[in-house]
Amino acid sequence: MGRRVVAGLRTAGLWDNLRMSNIVPSRPSDTAATPVSAVKELSAAARAFIALQHVLPQHGISRLVHAAARSQTPWFKNLLISQFIQGFRPDLGEALVANPLEFKSFNAFFTRALRADARRMPEDPLALACPVDGTVSEIGVIEGERLLQAKGRYYTLDALLAGRRVWVERFTGGLFATIYLAPHNYHRIHMSTAGVLREAWYVPGRLFSVNRVTADGVAHLFARNERVVCFFEDGALQHGLALIGALNVGSMETVWHGEVAPRKPRTLARLEIEQGGKPYAALRGEEMGRFNMGSTVILLFPKNSIEWAEGLASGQIVRMGQTIGRRLA
């Protein structure tokens, strides 16, 4: 019975789409990964995977995954968790709950919390902390309004931020970092620096995979996918954080709003920004949201406001809390 259910989920997309959405090795080593810019041509398998995504019922598959991942039927959720651990080998050494089968659902396991002593924030109060565990896809300077997606591919701030021109102008010529979360990574998102939430938007879109191969092959990927974009201020420093949805990632949450997606209707919507009658505010390192499957975050900063850490580059594996840069003011 259990094997038949998992086989059905493979057909629907839970396991095989997770595996394919992570075409790069499902559990990369902790050494440097191959930079995105080193990928020159897509393989036949990669081209077929990208072509398939154009015709898949992306939101329908994600709704099915959403329901399966939240099942609290003991044998079923335990089977999903066990299969996932076997296939993706996540590091559970820092998990608050040591026994993965104690979680009430697969999603609760997937979005598991870390122990309070698992990560330390940088000692330098001006240091920027990495908001997630993952791999740097691209990092650098925003060329006018253009952000590098992958070698030879760009997208615009205006498209990414759904035309929020006040914020587009603030980040034009600034700095950005795109960080990809693989299925085995920790999936809570934390504040890179302190901030008060000034604006937040749900932006509807597609649900293409956001892995390295798809970034190479799908134009304007991050500006086409469903996303949540948040804008923070801390004194003179402003920064943006975009949570990018993806295949099987139809569910994104923020601490102050709860589950933002999936939602109906899928139309551009401004999100409430208050918590307890006051604008949501958080210190560096505090949790601000989570993905309910692996995806991507994009950090945005104005020009002359920060500098990235020396040596931080495309392909580098990063961990939540490590220093990735420094505020200049």
C-alpha atoms as a PDB file:
ATOM      1  CA  MET A   1       0.000   0.000   0.000  1.00  0.00           C
ATOM      2  CA  GLY A   2       2.663   2.518   1.080  1.00  0.00           C
ATOM      3  CA  ARG A   3       4.859   1.809  -1.930  1.00  0.00           C
ATOM      4  CA  ARG A   4       1.900   2.331  -4.267  1.00  0.00           C
ATOM      5  CA  VAL A   5       1.136   5.709  -2.657  1.00  0.00           C
ATOM      6  CA  VAL A   6       4.746   6.861  -2.995  1.00  0.00           C
ATOM      7  CA  ALA A   7       4.769   5.619  -6.594  1.00  0.00           C
ATOM      8  CA  GLY A   8       1.661   7.709  -7.213  1.00  0.00           C
ATOM      9  CA  LEU A   9       3.328  10.735  -5.674  1.00  0.00           C
ATOM     10  CA  ARG A  10       6.349  10.159  -7.890  1.00  0.00           C
ATOM     11  CA  THR A  11       4.047  10.257 -10.896  1.00  0.00           C
ATOM     12  CA  ALA A  12       2.394  13.415  -9.581  1.00  0.00           C
ATOM     13  CA  GLY A  13       5.722  15.038  -8.907  1.00  0.00           C
ATOM     14  CA  LEU A  14       6.608  14.926  -5.207  1.00  0.00           C
ATOM     15  CA  TRP A  15       9.804  12.859  -5.385  1.00  0.00           C
ATOM     16  CA  ASP A  16      10.855  13.010  -9.015  1.00  0.00           C
ATOM     17  CA  ASN A  17      10.196  16.747  -9.272  1.00  0.00           C
ATOM     18  CA  LEU A  18      12.195  17.327  -6.114  1.00  0.00           C
ATOM     19  CA  ARG A  19      15.003  15.262  -7.594  1.00  0.00           C
ATOM     20  CA  MET A  20      14.764  16.885 -11.024  1.00  0.00           C
ATOM     21  CA  SER A  21      14.405  20.345  -9.521  1.00  0.00           C
ATOM     22  CA  ASN A  22      17.774  19.644  -7.969  1.00  0.00           C
ATOM     23  CA  ILE A  23      19.469  18.240 -11.108  1.00  0.00           C
ATOM     24  CA  VAL A  24      22.803  19.143  -9.584  1.00  0.00           C
ATOM     25  CA  PRO A  25      23.810  16.450  -7.030  1.00  0.00           C
ATOM     26  CA  SER A  26      21.058  16.049  -4.451  1.00  0.00           C
ATOM     27  CA  ARG A  27      23.531  16.342  -1.580  1.00  0.00           C
ATOM     28  CA  PRO A  28      26.448  18.525  -2.702  1.00  0.00           C
ATOM     29  CA  SER A  29      29.726  18.371  -0.851  1.00  0.00           C
ATOM     30  CA  ASP A  30      30.620  21.155   1.543  1.00  0.00           C
ATOM     31  CA  THR A  31      33.361  22.316  -0.782  1.00  0.00           C
ATOM     32  CA  ALA A  32      32.920  24.836  -3.586  1.00  0.00           C
ATOM     33  CA  ALA A  33      30.299  23.929  -6.171  1.00  0.00           C
ATOM     34  CA  THR A  34      30.625  24.553  -9.904  1.00  0.00           C
ATOM     35  CA  PRO A  35      29.813  28.230 -10.604  1.00  0.00           C
ATOM     36  CA  VAL A  36      26.735  28.997 -12.649  1.00  0.00           C
ATOM     37  CA  SER A  37      28.897  30.909 -15.108  1.00  0.00           C
ATOM     38  CA  ALA A  38      30.821  27.719 -15.907  1.00  0.00           C
ATOM     39  CA  VAL A  39      27.730  26.083 -17.428  1.00  0.00           C
ATOM     40  CA  LYS A  40      28.008  26.562 -21.194  1.00  0.00           C
ATOM     41  CA  GLU A  41      25.467  24.252 -22.758  1.00  0.00           C
ATOM     42  CA  LEU A  42      22.392  22.472 -21.465  1.00  0.00           C
ATOM     43  CA  SER A  43      22.352  18.705 -21.741  1.00  0.00           C
ATOM     44  CA  ALA A  44      19.562  16.927 -23.588  1.00  0.00           C
ATOM     45  CA  ALA A  45      18.092  15.868 -20.225  1.00  0.00           C
ATOM     46  CA  ALA A  46      18.153  19.449 -18.957  1.00  0.00           C
ATOM     47  CA  ARG A  47      16.480  20.762 -22.120  1.00  0.00           C
ATOM     48  CA  ALA A  48      13.808  18.072 -21.816  1.00  0.00           C
ATOM     49  CA  PHE A  49      13.242  18.966 -18.148  1.00  0.00           C
ATOM     50  CA  ILE A  50      12.831  22.651 -19.002  1.00  0.00           C
ATOM     51  CA  ALA A  51      10.482  21.867 -21.883  1.00  0.00           C
ATOM     52  CA  LEU A  52       8.403  19.654 -19.580  1.00  0.00           C
ATOM     53  CA  GLN A  53       8.017  22.473 -17.087  1.00  0.00           C
ATOM     54  CA  HIS A  54       6.394  24.676 -19.704  1.00  0.00           C
ATOM     55  CA  VAL A  55       3.512  22.209 -20.093  1.00  0.00           C
ATOM     56  CA  LEU A  56       3.208  20.824 -16.555  1.00  0.00           C
ATOM     57  CA  PRO A  57       0.252  21.994 -14.434  1.00  0.00           C
ATOM     58  CA  GLN A  58       2.704  23.658 -12.070  1.00  0.00           C
ATOM     59  CA  HIS A  59       0.194  25.021  -9.581  1.00  0.00           C
ATOM     60  CA  GLY A  60      -1.833  21.806  -9.648  1.00  0.00           C
ATOM     61  CA  ILE A  61       1.234  19.714  -8.817  1.00  0.00           C
ATOM     62  CA  SER A  62       2.170  22.117  -6.046  1.00  0.00           C
ATOM     63  CA  ARG A  63      -1.331  21.886  -4.547  1.00  0.00           C
ATOM     64  CA  LEU A  64      -1.045  18.090  -4.501  1.00  0.00           C
ATOM     65  CA  VAL A  65       2.357  18.317  -2.802  1.00  0.00           C
ATOM     66  CA  HIS A  66       0.907  20.871  -0.359  1.00  0.00           C
ATOM     67  CA  ALA A  67      -1.817  18.428   0.704  1.00  0.00           C
ATOM     68  CA  ALA A  68       0.452  15.376   0.892  1.00  0.00           C
ATOM     69  CA  ALA A  69       3.122  17.219   2.881  1.00  0.00           C
ATOM     70  CA  ARG A  70       0.571  18.215   5.527  1.00  0.00           C
ATOM     71  CA  SER A  71      -0.989  14.801   6.037  1.00  0.00           C
ATOM     72  CA  GLN A  72      -0.844  13.764   9.700  1.00  0.00           C
ATOM     73  CA  THR A  73      -1.639  10.106   9.039  1.00  0.00           C
ATOM     74  CA  PRO A  74       1.223   8.463  10.958  1.00  0.00           C
ATOM     75  CA  TRP A  75       2.236   5.721   8.518  1.00  0.00           C
ATOM     76  CA  PHE A  76       2.011   8.079   5.536  1.00  0.00           C
ATOM     77  CA  LYS A  77       3.939  11.026   6.966  1.00  0.00           C
ATOM     78  CA  ASN A  78       6.570   8.661   8.398  1.00  0.00           C
ATOM     79  CA  LEU A  79       6.976   7.047   4.982  1.00  0.00           C
ATOM     80  CA  LEU A  80       7.450  10.441   3.333  1.00  0.00           C
ATOM     81  CA  ILE A  81       9.985  11.552   5.932  1.00  0.00           C
ATOM     82  CA  SER A  82      11.931   8.281   5.721  1.00  0.00           C
ATOM     83  CA  GLN A  83      11.984   8.343   1.921  1.00  0.00           C
ATOM     84  CA  PHE A  84      13.152  11.956   1.936  1.00  0.00           C
ATOM     85  CA  ILE A  85      15.970  11.282   4.404  1.00  0.00           C
ATOM     86  CA  GLN A  86      17.088   8.300   2.342  1.00  0.00           C
ATOM     87  CA  GLY A  87      17.024  10.271  -0.909  1.00  0.00           C
ATOM     88  CA  PHE A  88      18.396  13.661   0.170  1.00  0.00           C
ATOM     89  CA  ARG A  89      20.377  12.942   3.354  1.00  0.00           C
ATOM     90  CA  PRO A  90      19.648  16.235   5.178  1.00  0.00           C
ATOM     91  CA  ASP A  91      21.852  17.165   8.125  1.00  0.00           C
ATOM     92  CA  LEU A  92      19.698  16.664  11.227  1.00  0.00           C
ATOM     93  CA  GLY A  93      22.479  17.263  13.755  1.00  0.00           C
ATOM     94  CA  GLU A  94      21.333  20.827  14.530  1.00  0.00           C
ATOM     95  CA  ALA A  95      17.594  20.115  14.598  1.00  0.00           C
ATOM     96  CA  LEU A  96      15.654  21.118  17.701  1.00  0.00           C
ATOM     97  CA  VAL A  97      13.741  17.825  17.508  1.00  0.00           C
ATOM     98  CA  ALA A  98      16.219  14.974  17.198  1.00  0.00           C
ATOM     99  CA  ASN A  99      13.843  12.222  16.030  1.00  0.00           C
ATOM    100  CA  PRO A 100      12.475  13.091  12.564  1.00  0.00           C
ATOM    101  CA  LEU A 101       9.482  10.768  12.995  1.00  0.00           C
ATOM    102  CA  GLU A 102       8.244  12.844  15.947  1.00  0.00           C
ATOM    103  CA  PHE A 103       7.082  15.597  13.578  1.00  0.00           C
ATOM    104  CA  LYS A 104       3.334  15.661  13.012  1.00  0.00           C
ATOM    105  CA  SER A 105       3.676  15.965   9.232  1.00  0.00           C
ATOM    106  CA  PHE A 106       6.260  15.896   6.470  1.00  0.00           C
ATOM    107  CA  ASN A 107       5.995  19.682   6.175  1.00  0.00           C
ATOM    108  CA  ALA A 108       6.667  20.141   9.894  1.00  0.00           C
ATOM    109  CA  PHE A 109       9.802  18.014   9.448  1.00  0.00           C
ATOM    110  CA  PHE A 110      10.825  19.885   6.299  1.00  0.00           C
ATOM    111  CA  THR A 111      10.551  23.290   8.001  1.00  0.00           C
ATOM    112  CA  ARG A 112      12.102  22.039  11.262  1.00  0.00           C
ATOM    113  CA  ALA A 113      13.657  24.539  13.668  1.00  0.00           C
ATOM    114  CA  LEU A 114      17.306  24.548  14.697  1.00  0.00           C
ATOM    115  CA  ARG A 115      18.494  24.348  18.295  1.00  0.00           C
ATOM    116  CA  ALA A 116      18.940  27.763  19.911  1.00  0.00           C
ATOM    117  CA  ASP A 117      22.695  27.198  20.158  1.00  0.00           C
ATOM    118  CA  ALA A 118      23.113  25.845  16.622  1.00  0.00           C
ATOM    119  CA  ARG A 119      24.112  29.122  14.966  1.00  0.00           C
ATOM    120  CA  ARG A 120      25.792  32.281  16.161  1.00  0.00           C
ATOM    121  CA  MET A 121      25.412  35.698  14.615  1.00  0.00           C
ATOM    122  CA  PRO A 122      28.582  37.606  13.638  1.00  0.00           C
ATOM    123  CA  GLU A 123      30.296  39.501  16.451  1.00  0.00           C
ATOM    124  CA  ASP A 124      30.640  42.631  14.295  1.00  0.00           C
ATOM    125  CA  PRO A 125      27.363  44.595  14.739  1.00  0.00           C
ATOM    126  CA  LEU A 126      27.695  45.938  11.181  1.00  0.00           C
ATOM    127  CA  ALA A 127      28.135  42.499   9.611  1.00  0.00           C
ATOM    128  CA  LEU A 128      25.434  41.091   7.346  1.00  0.00           C
ATOM    129  CA  ALA A 129      24.345  37.581   8.282  1.00  0.00           C
ATOM    130  CA  CYS A 130      23.428  35.045   5.622  1.00  0.00           C
ATOM    131  CA  PRO A 131      19.622  34.685   5.766  1.00  0.00           C
ATOM    132  CA  VAL A 132      19.486  31.011   4.731  1.00  0.00           C
ATOM    133  CA  ASP A 133      21.395  27.800   4.176  1.00  0.00           C
ATOM    134  CA  GLY A 134      22.070  27.285   0.485  1.00  0.00           C
ATOM    135  CA  THR A 135      24.353  27.956  -2.461  1.00  0.00           C
ATOM    136  CA  VAL A 136      25.125  31.365  -3.952  1.00  0.00           C
ATOM    137  CA  SER A 137      23.743  31.344  -7.498  1.00  0.00           C
ATOM    138  CA  GLU A 138      24.899  34.834  -8.453  1.00  0.00           C
ATOM    139  CA  ILE A 139      26.171  37.847  -6.524  1.00  0.00           C
ATOM    140  CA  GLY A 140      27.402  41.275  -7.456  1.00  0.00           C
ATOM    141  CA  VAL A 141      26.401  44.721  -8.648  1.00  0.00           C
ATOM    142  CA  ILE A 142      23.019  45.557 -10.158  1.00  0.00           C
ATOM    143  CA  GLU A 143      23.868  46.967 -13.596  1.00  0.00           C
ATOM    144  CA  GLY A 144      21.473  49.871 -13.723  1.00  0.00           C
ATOM    145  CA  GLU A 145      18.223  47.961 -13.298  1.00  0.00           C
ATOM    146  CA  ARG A 146      19.603  44.645 -14.570  1.00  0.00           C
ATOM    147  CA  LEU A 147      20.401  41.649 -12.349  1.00  0.00           C
ATOM    148  CA  LEU A 148      22.432  38.697 -13.532  1.00  0.00           C
ATOM    149  CA  GLN A 149      20.418  35.475 -13.499  1.00  0.00           C
ATOM    150  CA  ALA A 150      23.034  33.211 -15.127  1.00  0.00           C
ATOM    151  CA  LYS A 151      25.704  33.536 -17.788  1.00  0.00           C
ATOM    152  CA  GLY A 152      24.216  35.610 -20.597  1.00  0.00           C
ATOM    153  CA  ARG A 153      20.817  35.974 -18.918  1.00  0.00           C
ATOM    154  CA  TYR A 154      19.496  39.047 -17.107  1.00  0.00           C
ATOM    155  CA  TYR A 155      16.216  40.250 -15.670  1.00  0.00           C
ATOM    156  CA  THR A 156      15.161  43.651 -14.367  1.00  0.00           C
ATOM    157  CA  LEU A 157      14.392  45.102 -10.970  1.00  0.00           C
ATOM    158  CA  ASP A 158      11.152  46.491 -12.357  1.00  0.00           C
ATOM    159  CA  ALA A 159       9.989  43.001 -13.357  1.00  0.00           C
ATOM    160  CA  LEU A 160      11.195  41.355 -10.132  1.00  0.00           C
ATOM    161  CA  LEU A 161       9.517  43.972  -7.929  1.00  0.00           C
ATOM    162  CA  ALA A 162       6.332  44.093 -10.040  1.00  0.00           C
ATOM    163  CA  GLY A 163       6.727  47.760 -10.891  1.00  0.00           C
ATOM    164  CA  ARG A 164       7.188  49.125  -7.356  1.00  0.00           C
ATOM    165  CA  ARG A 165       9.092  52.082  -8.788  1.00  0.00           C
ATOM    166  CA  VAL A 166      10.012  53.726  -5.463  1.00  0.00           C
ATOM    167  CA  TRP A 167      11.935  50.615  -4.500  1.00  0.00           C
ATOM    168  CA  VAL A 168      13.267  49.992  -8.001  1.00  0.00           C
ATOM    169  CA  GLU A 169      14.884  53.412  -7.929  1.00  0.00           C
ATOM    170  CA  ARG A 170      16.344  52.808  -4.474  1.00  0.00           C
ATOM    171  CA  PHE A 171      18.061  49.583  -5.565  1.00  0.00           C
ATOM    172  CA  THR A 172      19.133  50.697  -9.056  1.00  0.00           C
ATOM    173  CA  GLY A 173      22.909  50.371  -9.307  1.00  0.00           C
ATOM    174  CA  GLY A 174      23.017  48.620  -5.943  1.00  0.00           C
ATOM    175  CA  LEU A 175      24.072  45.132  -4.920  1.00  0.00           C
ATOM    176  CA  PHE A 176      22.309  41.785  -4.988  1.00  0.00           C
ATOM    177  CA  ALA A 177      22.816  38.181  -3.945  1.00  0.00           C
ATOM    178  CA  THR A 178      20.776  35.193  -5.131  1.00  0.00           C
ATOM    179  CA  ILE A 179      20.887  32.121  -2.872  1.00  0.00           C
ATOM    180  CA  TYR A 180      19.405  28.758  -3.858  1.00  0.00           C
ATOM    181  CA  LEU A 181      18.008  26.384  -1.223  1.00  0.00           C
ATOM    182  CA  ALA A 182      18.234  22.712  -2.201  1.00  0.00           C
ATOM    183  CA  PRO A 183      15.776  20.177  -0.753  1.00  0.00           C
ATOM    184  CA  HIS A 184      18.274  19.004   1.885  1.00  0.00           C
ATOM    185  CA  ASN A 185      18.861  22.517   3.256  1.00  0.00           C
ATOM    186  CA  TYR A 186      17.364  24.159   6.357  1.00  0.00           C
ATOM    187  CA  HIS A 187      14.291  26.056   5.091  1.00  0.00           C
ATOM    188  CA  ARG A 188      13.616  28.888   7.474  1.00  0.00           C
ATOM    189  CA  ILE A 189      14.550  32.407   6.376  1.00  0.00           C
ATOM    190  CA  HIS A 190      16.168  34.880   8.756  1.00  0.00           C
ATOM    191  CA  MET A 191      16.984  38.583   8.769  1.00  0.00           C
ATOM    192  CA  SER A 192      20.324  39.503   7.262  1.00  0.00           C
ATOM    193  CA  THR A 193      20.284  42.758   9.194  1.00  0.00           C
ATOM    194  CA  ALA A 194      17.816  44.456  11.514  1.00  0.00           C
ATOM    195  CA  GLY A 195      14.863  46.137   9.874  1.00  0.00           C
ATOM    196  CA  VAL A 196      11.341  47.500  10.123  1.00  0.00           C
ATOM    197  CA  LEU A 197       9.006  46.202   7.434  1.00  0.00           C
ATOM    198  CA  ARG A 198       7.828  49.081   5.248  1.00  0.00           C
ATOM    199  CA  GLU A 199       6.096  47.240   2.412  1.00  0.00           C
ATOM    200  CA  ALA A 200       5.379  43.664   1.287  1.00  0.00           C
ATOM    201  CA  TRP A 201       3.753  42.266  -1.830  1.00  0.00           C
ATOM    202  CA  TYR A 202       2.531  38.940  -3.150  1.00  0.00           C
ATOM    203  CA  VAL A 203       3.336  38.696  -6.862  1.00  0.00           C
ATOM    204  CA  PRO A 204       1.592  35.914  -8.841  1.00  0.00           C
ATOM    205  CA  GLY A 205       3.459  33.927 -11.448  1.00  0.00           C
ATOM    206  CA  ARG A 206       4.619  30.546 -12.696  1.00  0.00           C
ATOM    207  CA  LEU A 207       6.319  27.858 -10.626  1.00  0.00           C
ATOM    208  CA  PHE A 208       9.370  26.845 -12.635  1.00  0.00           C
ATOM    209  CA  SER A 209      12.154  25.034 -10.822  1.00  0.00           C
ATOM    210  CA  VAL A 210      14.799  27.511  -9.651  1.00  0.00           C
ATOM    211  CA  ASN A 211      17.842  25.247  -9.812  1.00  0.00           C
ATOM    212  CA  ARG A 212      21.014  26.071 -11.705  1.00  0.00           C
ATOM    213  CA  VAL A 213      19.964  24.281 -14.885  1.00  0.00           C
ATOM    214  CA  THR A 214      16.613  26.054 -15.095  1.00  0.00           C
ATOM    215  CA  ALA A 215      18.262  29.406 -14.348  1.00  0.00           C
ATOM    216  CA  ASP A 216      20.485  28.774 -17.367  1.00  0.00           C
ATOM    217  CA  GLY A 217      17.584  27.814 -19.609  1.00  0.00           C
ATOM    218  CA  VAL A 218      14.498  29.884 -18.674  1.00  0.00           C
ATOM    219  CA  ALA A 219      14.619  33.606 -19.455  1.00  0.00           C
ATOM    220  CA  HIS A 220      13.646  36.057 -16.678  1.00  0.00           C
ATOM    221  CA  LEU A 221      13.090  33.109 -14.331  1.00  0.00           C
ATOM    222  CA  PHE A 222      12.944  34.947 -11.006  1.00  0.00           C
ATOM    223  CA  ALA A 223      10.706  37.677 -12.421  1.00  0.00           C
ATOM    224  CA  ARG A 224       8.311  35.063 -13.860  1.00  0.00           C
ATOM    225  CA  ASN A 225       7.847  32.869 -10.794  1.00  0.00           C
ATOM    226  CA  GLU A 226       5.393  33.481  -7.991  1.00  0.00           C
ATOM    227  CA  ARG A 227       7.067  35.407  -5.188  1.00  0.00           C
ATOM    228  CA  VAL A 228       6.798  37.475  -2.032  1.00  0.00           C
ATOM    229  CA  VAL A 229       8.840  40.694  -1.935  1.00  0.00           C
ATOM    230  CA  CYS A 230       9.542  42.520   1.319  1.00  0.00           C
ATOM    231  CA  PHE A 231      11.179  45.894   1.918  1.00  0.00           C
ATOM    232  CA  PHE A 232      12.860  46.838   5.198  1.00  0.00           C
ATOM    233  CA  GLU A 233      14.444  49.946   6.710  1.00  0.00           C
ATOM    234  CA  ASP A 234      16.879  50.312   9.589  1.00  0.00           C
ATOM    235  CA  GLY A 235      17.859  53.933   9.965  1.00  0.00           C
ATOM    236  CA  ALA A 236      19.468  54.968   6.691  1.00  0.00           C
ATOM    237  CA  LEU A 237      19.810  51.404   5.417  1.00  0.00           C
ATOM    238  CA  GLN A 238      17.106  49.905   3.232  1.00  0.00           C
ATOM    239  CA  HIS A 239      17.087  46.371   1.915  1.00  0.00           C
ATOM    240  CA  GLY A 240      14.829  44.090  -0.029  1.00  0.00           C
ATOM    241  CA  LEU A 241      14.252  40.371   0.352  1.00  0.00           C
ATOM    242  CA  ALA A 242      12.443  38.412  -2.343  1.00  0.00           C
ATOM    243  CA  LEU A 243      11.181  34.882  -1.642  1.00  0.00           C
ATOM    244  CA  ILE A 244      10.888  33.062  -4.960  1.00  0.00           C
ATOM    245  CA  GLY A 245       8.385  30.244  -5.323  1.00  0.00           C
ATOM    246  CA  ALA A 246       9.208  27.213  -7.444  1.00  0.00           C
ATOM    247  CA  LEU A 247       8.019  23.822  -8.633  1.00  0.00           C
ATOM    248  CA  ASN A 248       6.515  22.121  -5.553  1.00  0.00           C
ATOM    249  CA  VAL A 249       6.936  25.401  -3.632  1.00  0.00           C
ATOM    250  CA  GLY A 250       3.418  26.758  -3.863  1.00  0.00           C
ATOM    251  CA  SER A 251       3.538  27.598  -0.164  1.00  0.00           C
ATOM    252  CA  MET A 252       5.490  30.496   1.343  1.00  0.00           C
ATOM    253  CA  GLU A 253       5.033  31.993   4.798  1.00  0.00           C
ATOM    254  CA  THR A 254       6.073  35.087   6.707  1.00  0.00           C
ATOM    255  CA  VAL A 255       6.208  35.344  10.484  1.00  0.00           C
ATOM    256  CA  TRP A 256       3.792  38.289  10.634  1.00  0.00           C
ATOM    257  CA  HIS A 257       1.370  37.234   7.878  1.00  0.00           C
ATOM    258  CA  GLY A 258       1.321  33.436   8.034  1.00  0.00           C
ATOM    259  CA  GLU A 259       0.883  31.494   4.804  1.00  0.00           C
ATOM    260  CA  VAL A 260       0.953  33.926   1.878  1.00  0.00           C
ATOM    261  CA  ALA A 261       0.699  31.353  -0.901  1.00  0.00           C
ATOM    262  CA  PRO A 262      -1.036  29.360  -2.222  1.00  0.00           C
ATOM    263  CA  ARG A 263      -3.820  31.892  -2.495  1.00  0.00           C
ATOM    264  CA  LYS A 264      -6.899  32.696  -4.552  1.00  0.00           C
ATOM    265  CA  PRO A 265      -7.221  34.744  -6.568  1.00  0.00           C
ATOM    266  CA  ARG A 266      -3.618  34.717  -7.770  1.00  0.00           C
ATOM    267  CA  THR A 267      -3.449  38.461  -8.322  1.00  0.00           C
ATOM    268  CA  LEU A 268      -0.941  41.108  -7.269  1.00  0.00           C
ATOM    269  CA  ALA A 269      -1.699  41.950  -3.656  1.00  0.00           C
ATOM    270  CA  ARG A 270      -0.205  44.226  -1.031  1.00  0.00           C
ATOM    271  CA  LEU A 271       0.293  42.350   2.240  1.00  0.00           C
ATOM    272  CA  GLU A 272      -0.397  43.627   5.716  1.00  0.00           C
ATOM    273  CA  ILE A 273       2.851  44.687   7.346  1.00  0.00           C
ATOM    274  CA  GLU A 274       1.771  45.072  10.962  1.00  0.00           C
ATOM    275  CA  GLN A 275       2.001  42.701  13.887  1.00  0.00           C
ATOM    276  CA  GLY A 276       0.117  43.620  17.058  1.00  0.00           C
ATOM    277  CA  GLY A 277      -0.814  47.013  15.634  1.00  0.00           C
ATOM    278  CA  LYS A 278       2.776  48.014  14.863  1.00  0.00           C
ATOM    279  CA  PRO A 279       4.919  47.539  11.749  1.00  0.00           C
ATOM    280  CA  TYR A 280       6.713  44.216  11.925  1.00  0.00           C
ATOM    281  CA  ALA A 281      10.303  44.697  13.093  1.00  0.00           C
ATOM    282  CA  ALA A 282      13.058  42.150  13.597  1.00  0.00           C
ATOM    283  CA  LEU A 283      16.655  42.015  14.689  1.00  0.00           C
ATOM    284  CA  ARG A 284      19.458  40.489  12.671  1.00  0.00           C
ATOM    285  CA  GLY A 285      19.141  36.707  12.745  1.00  0.00           C
ATOM    286  CA  GLU A 286      15.469  36.560  13.685  1.00  0.00           C
ATOM    287  CA  GLU A 287      13.220  34.339  11.579  1.00  0.00           C
ATOM    288  CA  MET A 288      11.089  36.242   9.055  1.00  0.00           C
ATOM    289  CA  GLY A 289       9.584  33.429   7.008  1.00  0.00           C
ATOM    290  CA  ARG A 290       9.951  29.982   5.509  1.00  0.00           C
ATOM    291  CA  PHE A 291       9.629  27.942   2.353  1.00  0.00           C
ATOM    292  CA  ASN A 292       7.581  24.782   2.530  1.00  0.00           C
ATOM    293  CA  MET A 293       9.830  23.238  -0.137  1.00  0.00           C
ATOM    294  CA  GLY A 294      13.259  24.341  -1.421  1.00  0.00           C
ATOM    295  CA  SER A 295      13.551  27.555  -3.378  1.00  0.00           C
ATOM    296  CA  THR A 296      15.534  30.809  -3.725  1.00  0.00           C
ATOM    297  CA  VAL A 297      15.945  34.144  -1.943  1.00  0.00           C
ATOM    298  CA  ILE A 298      17.262  37.369  -3.467  1.00  0.00           C
ATOM    299  CA  LEU A 299      18.803  40.080  -1.276  1.00  0.00           C
ATOM    300  CA  LEU A 300      18.824  43.671  -2.556  1.00  0.00           C
ATOM    301  CA  PHE A 301      20.737  46.685  -1.209  1.00  0.00           C
ATOM    302  CA  PRO A 302      21.162  50.284  -2.469  1.00  0.00           C
ATOM    303  CA  LYS A 303      24.500  51.348  -3.903  1.00  0.00           C
ATOM    304  CA  ASN A 304      27.160  52.523  -1.458  1.00  0.00           C
ATOM    305  CA  SER A 305      25.279  50.971   1.473  1.00  0.00           C
ATOM    306  CA  ILE A 306      27.087  47.635   1.942  1.00  0.00           C
ATOM    307  CA  GLU A 307      30.006  45.614   0.679  1.00  0.00           C
ATOM    308  CA  TRP A 308      30.001  41.862   0.121  1.00  0.00           C
ATOM    309  CA  ALA A 309      32.486  39.724   2.023  1.00  0.00           C
ATOM    310  CA  GLU A 310      35.740  39.161   0.193  1.00  0.00           C
ATOM    311  CA  GLY A 311      35.717  35.906  -1.733  1.00  0.00           C
ATOM    312  CA  LEU A 312      31.936  35.434  -1.657  1.00  0.00           C
ATOM    313  CA  ALA A 313      31.147  34.184  -5.149  1.00  0.00           C
ATOM    314  CA  SER A 314      28.829  32.182  -7.350  1.00  0.00           C
ATOM    315  CA  GLY A 315      28.821  28.503  -6.433  1.00  0.00           C
ATOM    316  CA  GLN A 316      29.812  29.012  -2.797  1.00  0.00           C
ATOM    317  CA  ILE A 317      27.890  27.059  -0.156  1.00  0.00           C
ATOM    318  CA  VAL A 318      26.685  29.313   2.669  1.00  0.00           C
ATOM    319  CA  ARG A 319      25.048  28.809   6.044  1.00  0.00           C
ATOM    320  CA  MET A 320      22.509  30.913   7.846  1.00  0.00           C
ATOM    321  CA  GLY A 321      24.316  33.253  10.238  1.00  0.00           C
ATOM    322  CA  GLN A 322      27.703  33.391   8.546  1.00  0.00           C
ATOM    323  CA  THR A 323      29.076  36.811   7.581  1.00  0.00           C
ATOM    324  CA  ILE A 324      28.326  37.600   3.934  1.00  0.00           C
ATOM    325  CA  GLY A 325      29.043  41.321   3.960  1.00  0.00           C
ATOM    326  CA  ARG A 326      29.154  44.508   5.995  1.00  0.00           C
ATOM    327  CA  ARG A 327      27.091  47.644   6.320  1.00  0.00           C
ATOM    328  CA  LEU A 328      28.932  50.815   5.390  1.00  0.00           C
ATOM    329  CA  ALA A 329      26.765  52.987   7.581  1.00  0.00           C
END
